Amino acid sequence: MIFAVLYTYDPERDDIHDVRPLHREFLKAEYDAGRLLASGPRGGGALLIIKADSEQELRNNLAGDPFMKSGIVMALDVEEWTVVYGPWS
């Protein structure tokens, strides 16, 4: 299954730049493991495209993201995504 995940960052947090290197290390490990297909910033947050067997597995994995652990991510929106065209279809 492929999921589109939207992170919304807490705009009151001023330590995002301090935590970002750890967050990027986490993302690289997810990518190297074949779970993270793509990610990048968007206004006020980020978009992640993730492969997982279930939404619960995805949420369990993302719980280890330093942005999640530190509370920088204030909202998490997870949607299963059916890819019709593209490299993951």
Protein backbone atom coordinates (compact mmCIF):
# COMPACT_ATOMS: atom_id res chain seq x y z
CA MET A 1 0.00 0.00 0.00
CA ILE A 2 1.12 3.55 -0.69
CA PHE A 3 0.15 6.47 1.52
CA ALA A 4 0.30 10.22 1.14
CA VAL A 5 1.21 11.77 4.48
CA LEU A 6 0.88 15.45 5.26
CA TYR A 7 2.81 16.89 8.17
CA THR A 8 1.67 20.23 9.55
CA TYR A 9 4.32 21.92 11.65
CA ASP A 10 3.66 23.89 14.82
CA PRO A 11 4.29 27.51 13.74
CA GLU A 12 5.20 28.46 17.32
CA ARG A 13 8.25 26.18 17.35
CA ASP A 14 11.55 27.95 16.79
CA ASP A 15 13.73 24.83 17.16
CA ILE A 16 12.80 23.19 13.84
CA HIS A 17 16.22 24.01 12.38
CA ASP A 18 17.93 22.32 15.34
CA VAL A 19 15.91 19.11 14.94
CA ARG A 20 15.94 19.01 11.11
CA PRO A 21 19.29 17.13 10.78
CA LEU A 22 17.94 14.28 12.93
CA HIS A 23 14.66 14.33 10.99
CA ARG A 24 16.57 14.05 7.70
CA GLU A 25 18.64 11.14 9.07
CA PHE A 26 15.38 9.40 9.96
CA LEU A 27 13.99 10.03 6.45
CA LYS A 28 17.18 8.70 4.84
CA ALA A 29 16.94 5.50 6.88
CA GLU A 30 13.28 5.10 5.83
CA TYR A 31 14.27 5.69 2.19
CA ASP A 32 17.18 3.22 2.40
CA ALA A 33 14.77 0.64 3.89
CA GLY A 34 12.44 1.11 0.90
CA ARG A 35 9.59 2.60 2.92
CA LEU A 36 9.95 6.28 2.01
CA LEU A 37 9.37 6.84 -1.70
CA ALA A 38 9.55 10.64 -1.74
CA SER A 39 9.35 13.59 0.63
CA GLY A 40 9.75 17.31 0.68
CA PRO A 41 8.60 20.52 2.32
CA ARG A 42 5.33 22.26 1.55
CA GLY A 43 3.89 25.43 3.03
CA GLY A 44 3.85 24.95 6.78
CA GLY A 45 4.78 21.29 6.71
CA ALA A 46 5.80 18.43 4.46
CA LEU A 47 4.47 15.79 2.09
CA LEU A 48 5.75 12.23 2.41
CA ILE A 49 4.93 9.33 0.10
CA ILE A 50 5.35 6.11 2.05
CA LYS A 51 4.97 2.41 1.35
CA ALA A 52 3.64 0.30 4.23
CA ASP A 53 1.57 -2.83 4.77
CA SER A 54 -0.99 -0.90 6.82
CA GLU A 55 -1.74 2.55 8.17
CA GLN A 56 -0.91 1.33 11.67
CA GLU A 57 2.53 0.16 10.52
CA LEU A 58 3.09 3.55 8.89
CA ARG A 59 2.05 5.41 12.05
CA ASN A 60 4.28 3.19 14.18
CA ASN A 61 7.25 3.94 11.92
CA LEU A 62 6.58 7.68 11.84
CA ALA A 63 6.41 7.77 15.64
CA GLY A 64 10.20 7.46 15.51
CA ASP A 65 10.64 10.63 13.45
CA PRO A 66 12.38 13.29 15.57
CA PHE A 67 9.89 15.87 14.26
CA MET A 68 7.08 13.71 15.68
CA LYS A 69 8.89 12.89 18.93
CA SER A 70 9.71 16.54 19.60
CA GLY A 71 6.19 17.79 18.85
CA ILE A 72 7.18 19.85 15.80
CA VAL A 73 4.53 17.97 13.81
CA MET A 74 1.26 19.22 15.28
CA ALA A 75 -1.03 17.46 12.80
CA LEU A 76 -0.63 14.30 10.79
CA ASP A 77 -2.95 13.48 7.88
CA VAL A 78 -2.63 9.99 6.39
CA GLU A 79 -4.47 8.88 3.26
CA GLU A 80 -4.08 5.67 1.31
CA TRP A 81 -3.13 6.70 -2.22
CA THR A 82 -3.91 4.73 -5.34
CA VAL A 83 -1.23 5.52 -7.89
CA VAL A 84 -2.61 5.35 -11.43
CA TYR A 85 0.40 6.70 -13.38
CA GLY A 86 4.00 7.04 -12.41
CA PRO A 87 6.95 5.10 -11.09
CA TRP A 88 5.02 3.51 -8.22
CA SER A 89 2.00 2.33 -10.20
